[in-house]
Amino acid sequence: MDEYRETGMMFTAVDMRKIFIGIAAAALLGCSGGSDGGPKFLSVGTAPPGGAFFVVGGAIAQVVDQNTRTTGWQVSSEATKGTQENIRRLARNELDFALANAAISYFAVRGEGKWEAKQEIRTVMTLAPNIALFITPSGSGVNTMADLRGKRVVVGPAGAGFDHFLQPILQAHGITYDDFTPLHNTQAGAVDMLADGSAAAAFLGGAVPTASITQASASQDIHFIPFDAAARDALFERYPFFAPAKIPADTYRDQREEYAGMNVGNMHLITRASLEEDTAYAFTKALYENRAEVVKKHPAGRAINPKNIVRDTGTPFHPGAIRYFKEIGIWPDA
């Protein structure tokens, strides 16, 4: 039998295995929070620096961290590649919470589109709307959605998941990616492509005003390509993540009329379905009761209001969040 001697004590191999197992268990409890009252480390997935997800996710993590100190929580944000990575990492228990686009989550939780299996995620709060549209330089000859045919069109960064909400929009207008040349670029890159003529149109959006559209309209005359009214209504009826959204007149340079646009998928806070109900409840409570602190860090925090946060976008809510919303009387009756 193998023996290990240390400080005059004798341990068998079986004893050592028990010690190693105990150390490993203690380490795991220290990382996730154990019943002994040790710290509980919680992570919030965001997106790459430069966008609203990165800032809002960081604000949420910081606010919850600062207001749950008595519970022993340590909450931090983590920059990721965005919604699709966040969903996959939640499913693998590599994140506890994350920001996501509700349109992408809608298909992920159903295992539809490019998702090969249902992703076990749940909504915690519905956050700010994402208002997106096609823009084109005035005089490009692209006046309607049908005019995109045969043109070079920027449809978002490669791998960002924009196709989850863009393809239904195109389909509702009788168009597919085969009808034009889809180009992949960031919003800032898309503006440059419109300016130098290497793209005829670009799909841009976010919170209003959107920085990329402001930049594009500052350097040239821009035409907002209108959505067909019947197509919009069909999308609103079929998908819960689409919703009417107007861009007021004079939001952008030379925009003289109100634009009838669409919310193409709210930013929302999600978690994995397996997260403990008490943890989801306490996180939701800390965030909601200190929402004013999020607003100080980013205007999108104003979306954390009683009417908006319980809006159904097609991904089921976590029972812990529902429990808190019922407790404060804002959960809608069935």
Protein backbone atom coordinates (compact mmCIF):
# COMPACT_ATOMS: atom_id res chain seq x y z
CA MET A 1 0.00 0.00 0.00
CA ASP A 2 1.32 3.46 -0.95
CA GLU A 3 1.94 5.77 1.99
CA TYR A 4 2.44 9.57 2.25
CA ARG A 5 4.28 11.03 5.24
CA GLU A 6 4.02 14.69 6.28
CA THR A 7 4.63 16.28 9.68
CA GLY A 8 4.94 12.90 11.29
CA MET A 9 1.49 11.75 10.09
CA MET A 10 0.80 8.76 7.86
CA PHE A 11 -1.79 8.88 5.08
CA THR A 12 -2.90 6.03 2.85
CA ALA A 13 -3.72 6.57 -0.83
CA VAL A 14 -7.41 6.36 0.07
CA ASP A 15 -6.94 9.07 2.71
CA MET A 16 -5.19 11.32 0.19
CA ARG A 17 -7.95 10.89 -2.37
CA LYS A 18 -10.49 11.94 0.27
CA ILE A 19 -8.42 15.02 1.08
CA PHE A 20 -8.10 15.99 -2.59
CA ILE A 21 -11.86 15.55 -3.10
CA GLY A 22 -12.52 17.75 -0.08
CA ILE A 23 -10.20 20.47 -1.36
CA ALA A 24 -11.84 20.38 -4.78
CA ALA A 25 -15.31 20.61 -3.26
CA ALA A 26 -14.26 23.55 -1.11
CA ALA A 27 -12.83 25.32 -4.15
CA LEU A 28 -16.08 24.84 -6.05
CA LEU A 29 -18.11 26.17 -3.15
CA GLY A 30 -15.82 29.18 -2.95
CA CYS A 31 -16.42 29.98 -6.63
CA SER A 32 -20.17 29.57 -6.75
CA GLY A 33 -21.16 30.29 -3.19
CA GLY A 34 -21.66 27.60 -0.61
CA SER A 35 -23.99 26.98 2.27
CA ASP A 36 -21.23 28.05 4.65
CA GLY A 37 -21.86 31.71 3.85
CA GLY A 38 -18.79 32.08 1.66
CA PRO A 39 -18.71 34.49 -1.28
CA LYS A 40 -20.93 33.82 -4.30
CA PHE A 41 -19.34 34.88 -7.57
CA LEU A 42 -21.83 35.83 -10.30
CA SER A 43 -20.93 36.75 -13.87
CA VAL A 44 -22.84 38.88 -16.38
CA GLY A 45 -22.01 38.38 -20.06
CA THR A 46 -22.16 41.51 -22.21
CA ALA A 47 -20.65 42.07 -25.70
CA PRO A 48 -17.50 43.60 -27.20
CA PRO A 49 -16.54 47.10 -26.01
CA GLY A 50 -18.02 49.96 -28.03
CA GLY A 51 -21.71 49.07 -27.91
CA ALA A 52 -24.60 49.52 -25.52
CA PHE A 53 -24.55 45.89 -24.34
CA PHE A 54 -21.03 46.33 -22.95
CA VAL A 55 -21.91 49.50 -21.03
CA VAL A 56 -25.37 48.45 -19.83
CA GLY A 57 -24.17 44.99 -18.80
CA GLY A 58 -21.31 46.52 -16.86
CA ALA A 59 -23.70 48.94 -15.17
CA ILE A 60 -26.07 46.14 -14.17
CA ALA A 61 -23.24 44.06 -12.70
CA GLN A 62 -21.84 47.02 -10.80
CA VAL A 63 -25.19 48.12 -9.38
CA VAL A 64 -26.16 44.63 -8.22
CA ASP A 65 -22.69 44.07 -6.78
CA GLN A 66 -22.83 47.30 -4.77
CA ASN A 67 -26.28 46.55 -3.42
CA THR A 68 -25.83 42.92 -2.42
CA ARG A 69 -22.68 43.22 -0.32
CA THR A 70 -24.48 41.99 2.78
CA THR A 71 -25.28 38.71 0.99
CA GLY A 72 -21.61 38.10 0.26
CA TRP A 73 -22.11 38.28 -3.51
CA GLN A 74 -19.38 39.40 -5.89
CA VAL A 75 -20.89 40.33 -9.26
CA SER A 76 -18.78 41.20 -12.29
CA SER A 77 -19.36 41.73 -16.02
CA GLU A 78 -17.49 39.98 -18.77
CA ALA A 79 -16.95 41.18 -22.34
CA THR A 80 -18.05 38.52 -24.85
CA LYS A 81 -18.78 38.30 -28.56
CA GLY A 82 -22.45 39.06 -27.88
CA THR A 83 -25.82 37.33 -27.80
CA GLN A 84 -25.02 34.02 -29.47
CA GLU A 85 -21.93 33.38 -27.36
CA ASN A 86 -23.78 34.48 -24.22
CA ILE A 87 -26.58 31.99 -24.81
CA ARG A 88 -24.19 29.11 -25.44
CA ARG A 89 -22.11 29.94 -22.37
CA LEU A 90 -25.18 30.18 -20.16
CA ALA A 91 -26.20 26.72 -21.35
CA ARG A 92 -22.72 25.45 -20.39
CA ASN A 93 -22.93 27.09 -16.93
CA GLU A 94 -20.03 29.40 -17.84
CA LEU A 95 -22.11 32.53 -17.17
CA ASP A 96 -24.85 33.25 -14.64
CA PHE A 97 -26.59 36.17 -16.38
CA ALA A 98 -26.16 37.85 -19.76
CA LEU A 99 -27.56 40.45 -22.11
CA ALA A 100 -29.09 39.24 -25.36
CA ASN A 101 -31.20 40.36 -28.28
CA ALA A 102 -34.72 39.04 -27.75
CA ALA A 103 -35.10 37.99 -31.40
CA ILE A 104 -32.06 35.72 -31.19
CA SER A 105 -33.21 34.33 -27.83
CA TYR A 106 -36.63 33.60 -29.33
CA PHE A 107 -35.19 31.16 -31.85
CA ALA A 108 -32.55 29.80 -29.46
CA VAL A 109 -35.06 28.73 -26.79
CA ARG A 110 -37.04 26.89 -29.48
CA GLY A 111 -34.03 25.30 -31.19
CA GLU A 112 -35.04 26.89 -34.49
CA GLY A 113 -33.13 28.64 -37.25
CA LYS A 114 -29.42 27.98 -36.85
CA TRP A 115 -29.87 26.55 -33.35
CA GLU A 116 -29.58 22.77 -33.49
CA ALA A 117 -31.15 22.23 -30.07
CA LYS A 118 -33.33 24.14 -27.63
CA GLN A 119 -31.23 26.39 -25.40
CA GLU A 120 -32.27 26.29 -21.75
CA ILE A 121 -32.38 30.04 -21.05
CA ARG A 122 -34.90 32.24 -19.26
CA THR A 123 -35.71 35.95 -19.22
CA VAL A 124 -35.04 38.04 -16.12
CA MET A 125 -36.03 41.46 -17.46
CA THR A 126 -36.98 42.97 -20.81
CA LEU A 127 -34.80 46.04 -21.37
CA ALA A 128 -34.33 48.72 -24.03
CA PRO A 129 -35.75 48.46 -27.57
CA ASN A 130 -33.53 47.96 -30.60
CA ILE A 131 -34.90 50.13 -33.41
CA ALA A 132 -33.30 49.23 -36.74
CA LEU A 133 -33.89 50.08 -40.38
CA PHE A 134 -32.28 50.25 -43.81
CA ILE A 135 -30.75 53.56 -44.81
CA THR A 136 -29.31 54.62 -48.15
CA PRO A 137 -27.73 57.77 -49.60
CA SER A 138 -30.32 59.98 -51.28
CA GLY A 139 -30.12 59.56 -55.02
CA SER A 140 -28.97 55.94 -54.83
CA GLY A 141 -32.12 54.76 -56.56
CA VAL A 142 -33.08 52.65 -53.52
CA ASN A 143 -36.40 54.09 -52.44
CA THR A 144 -38.28 50.98 -51.27
CA MET A 145 -37.42 47.57 -49.84
CA ALA A 146 -37.97 46.03 -53.27
CA ASP A 147 -35.21 48.28 -54.64
CA LEU A 148 -32.63 46.37 -52.58
CA ARG A 149 -32.64 43.69 -55.28
CA GLY A 150 -29.38 43.58 -57.17
CA LYS A 151 -27.63 45.98 -54.77
CA ARG A 152 -24.74 45.63 -52.31
CA VAL A 153 -26.23 45.81 -48.82
CA VAL A 154 -24.55 45.75 -45.39
CA VAL A 155 -26.44 43.33 -43.14
CA GLY A 156 -24.34 43.54 -39.96
CA PRO A 157 -21.13 42.00 -38.58
CA ALA A 158 -20.40 38.40 -39.53
CA GLY A 159 -21.57 35.98 -36.85
CA ALA A 160 -23.46 38.63 -34.88
CA GLY A 161 -26.80 36.89 -35.35
CA PHE A 162 -28.56 39.77 -37.12
CA ASP A 163 -30.04 37.27 -39.57
CA HIS A 164 -32.36 36.00 -36.83
CA PHE A 165 -34.44 39.17 -37.14
CA LEU A 166 -33.33 40.42 -40.56
CA GLN A 167 -34.36 37.34 -42.52
CA PRO A 168 -37.98 37.48 -41.27
CA ILE A 169 -38.10 41.18 -42.22
CA LEU A 170 -36.83 40.44 -45.72
CA GLN A 171 -39.15 37.46 -46.08
CA ALA A 172 -42.16 39.60 -45.15
CA HIS A 173 -41.18 41.90 -48.03
CA GLY A 174 -40.72 39.03 -50.49
CA ILE A 175 -36.91 39.29 -50.47
CA THR A 176 -34.08 36.91 -49.56
CA TYR A 177 -30.30 37.24 -49.31
CA ASP A 178 -30.16 35.72 -52.80
CA ASP A 179 -31.78 38.86 -54.22
CA PHE A 180 -28.86 41.14 -53.33
CA THR A 181 -25.21 40.97 -52.32
CA PRO A 182 -25.03 40.81 -48.51
CA LEU A 183 -21.98 42.50 -46.99
CA HIS A 184 -20.75 42.10 -43.42
CA ASN A 185 -19.36 44.99 -41.43
CA THR A 186 -19.74 46.86 -38.15
CA GLN A 187 -22.13 49.80 -37.97
CA ALA A 188 -19.22 52.24 -38.17
CA GLY A 189 -17.78 50.30 -41.10
CA ALA A 190 -21.16 50.31 -42.83
CA VAL A 191 -21.27 54.11 -42.64
CA ASP A 192 -17.88 54.28 -44.36
CA MET A 193 -19.11 51.92 -47.08
CA LEU A 194 -22.13 54.12 -47.72
CA ALA A 195 -19.87 57.17 -47.91
CA ASP A 196 -17.44 55.71 -50.45
CA GLY A 197 -20.14 54.04 -52.54
CA SER A 198 -19.06 50.45 -51.89
CA ALA A 199 -22.52 49.73 -50.47
CA ALA A 200 -25.89 51.03 -51.61
CA ALA A 201 -27.72 50.47 -48.32
CA ALA A 202 -27.09 49.35 -44.76
CA PHE A 203 -29.15 47.89 -41.95
CA LEU A 204 -28.39 49.99 -38.86
CA GLY A 205 -29.99 50.52 -35.48
CA GLY A 206 -30.02 50.43 -31.73
CA ALA A 207 -31.22 52.89 -29.13
CA VAL A 208 -32.47 56.19 -30.59
CA PRO A 209 -30.61 58.26 -31.56
CA THR A 210 -28.25 55.68 -33.00
CA ALA A 211 -24.67 56.92 -33.29
CA SER A 212 -24.04 55.29 -36.68
CA ILE A 213 -27.14 56.87 -38.26
CA THR A 214 -26.24 60.24 -36.77
CA GLN A 215 -22.78 59.90 -38.32
CA ALA A 216 -24.15 58.84 -41.69
CA SER A 217 -26.66 61.69 -41.88
CA ALA A 218 -24.04 64.24 -40.82
CA SER A 219 -21.85 63.58 -43.84
CA GLN A 220 -24.46 63.07 -46.59
CA ASP A 221 -28.17 63.21 -47.33
CA ILE A 222 -29.75 59.97 -46.14
CA HIS A 223 -33.01 58.30 -47.12
CA PHE A 224 -34.78 56.08 -44.58
CA ILE A 225 -36.14 53.14 -46.56
CA PRO A 226 -39.75 52.61 -45.40
CA PHE A 227 -41.09 49.24 -44.29
CA ASP A 228 -44.25 48.13 -46.07
CA ALA A 229 -47.19 48.62 -43.68
CA ALA A 230 -48.71 45.21 -44.42
CA ALA A 231 -45.35 43.50 -43.94
CA ARG A 232 -44.85 45.23 -40.59
CA ASP A 233 -48.29 44.20 -39.37
CA ALA A 234 -47.64 40.59 -40.39
CA LEU A 235 -44.37 40.58 -38.44
CA PHE A 236 -46.03 42.06 -35.35
CA GLU A 237 -48.71 39.37 -35.49
CA ARG A 238 -46.33 36.45 -35.95
CA TYR A 239 -43.37 37.29 -33.72
CA PRO A 240 -43.63 38.67 -30.16
CA PHE A 241 -40.19 40.28 -30.31
CA PHE A 242 -41.19 42.67 -33.12
CA ALA A 243 -43.10 45.80 -32.07
CA PRO A 244 -43.99 49.22 -33.55
CA ALA A 245 -41.42 51.93 -32.90
CA LYS A 246 -41.38 55.47 -34.21
CA ILE A 247 -38.39 57.72 -34.77
CA PRO A 248 -39.56 61.30 -34.12
CA ALA A 249 -39.04 63.94 -36.81
CA ASP A 250 -35.78 65.89 -36.52
CA THR A 251 -34.03 63.08 -34.66
CA TYR A 252 -31.44 63.09 -37.45
CA ARG A 253 -30.25 65.86 -39.76
CA ASP A 254 -32.79 66.66 -42.48
CA GLN A 255 -35.25 64.04 -41.17
CA ARG A 256 -38.36 66.15 -41.54
CA GLU A 257 -40.99 63.48 -40.94
CA GLU A 258 -41.66 60.86 -38.30
CA TYR A 259 -40.43 57.43 -39.35
CA ALA A 260 -42.65 54.39 -38.73
CA GLY A 261 -40.03 51.84 -37.76
CA MET A 262 -39.77 48.62 -35.80
CA ASN A 263 -38.30 47.36 -32.58
CA VAL A 264 -36.49 44.32 -33.98
CA GLY A 265 -35.77 42.70 -30.63
CA ASN A 266 -35.34 44.25 -27.20
CA MET A 267 -32.15 44.01 -25.29
CA HIS A 268 -33.04 41.71 -22.41
CA LEU A 269 -31.37 40.23 -19.36
CA ILE A 270 -31.38 36.44 -19.39
CA THR A 271 -30.10 33.60 -17.25
CA ARG A 272 -29.83 29.83 -17.48
CA ALA A 273 -32.94 27.84 -16.62
CA SER A 274 -31.04 25.89 -13.96
CA LEU A 275 -30.14 28.95 -11.88
CA GLU A 276 -31.46 28.70 -8.32
CA GLU A 277 -34.80 30.48 -7.89
CA ASP A 278 -33.61 32.39 -4.82
CA THR A 279 -30.58 33.72 -6.71
CA ALA A 280 -32.70 34.93 -9.63
CA TYR A 281 -35.17 36.49 -7.20
CA ALA A 282 -32.50 38.36 -5.22
CA PHE A 283 -30.70 39.54 -8.37
CA THR A 284 -33.96 40.83 -9.89
CA LYS A 285 -34.91 42.58 -6.66
CA ALA A 286 -31.51 44.27 -6.25
CA LEU A 287 -31.48 45.47 -9.86
CA TYR A 288 -35.07 46.76 -9.90
CA GLU A 289 -34.88 48.55 -6.56
CA ASN A 290 -31.67 50.32 -7.62
CA ARG A 291 -32.57 50.94 -11.27
CA ALA A 292 -31.97 54.69 -10.93
CA GLU A 293 -28.28 53.93 -10.50
CA VAL A 294 -28.23 52.12 -13.86
CA VAL A 295 -29.77 55.18 -15.56
CA LYS A 296 -26.87 57.29 -14.26
CA LYS A 297 -24.49 55.03 -16.15
CA HIS A 298 -26.49 54.64 -19.39
CA PRO A 299 -29.84 56.10 -20.60
CA ALA A 300 -31.00 52.61 -21.58
CA GLY A 301 -31.50 52.03 -17.86
CA ARG A 302 -34.79 53.93 -18.18
CA ALA A 303 -36.23 50.76 -19.73
CA ILE A 304 -36.11 49.18 -16.26
CA ASN A 305 -39.64 50.34 -15.49
CA PRO A 306 -42.77 48.46 -14.33
CA LYS A 307 -44.46 48.41 -17.73
CA ASN A 308 -41.49 47.37 -19.84
CA ILE A 309 -39.54 44.79 -17.84
CA VAL A 310 -42.36 42.21 -17.84
CA ARG A 311 -43.06 42.49 -21.58
CA ASP A 312 -43.21 39.07 -23.21
CA THR A 313 -40.75 38.75 -26.11
CA GLY A 314 -41.11 34.99 -26.55
CA THR A 315 -38.58 33.63 -24.04
CA PRO A 316 -40.12 32.33 -20.78
CA PHE A 317 -39.31 34.24 -17.60
CA HIS A 318 -37.32 32.63 -14.80
CA PRO A 319 -39.48 31.60 -11.81
CA GLY A 320 -37.30 33.71 -9.49
CA ALA A 321 -37.98 36.85 -11.52
CA ILE A 322 -41.70 36.04 -11.73
CA ARG A 323 -41.81 35.63 -7.95
CA TYR A 324 -40.43 39.11 -7.42
CA PHE A 325 -42.66 40.73 -10.06
CA LYS A 326 -45.74 39.15 -8.46
CA GLU A 327 -44.57 40.32 -5.05
CA ILE A 328 -44.50 43.96 -6.18
CA GLY A 329 -47.70 43.63 -8.20
CA ILE A 330 -46.44 44.20 -11.77
CA TRP A 331 -46.68 40.66 -13.18
CA PRO A 332 -49.55 40.60 -15.72
CA ASP A 333 -52.50 38.36 -14.99
CA ALA A 334 -52.83 35.33 -17.23
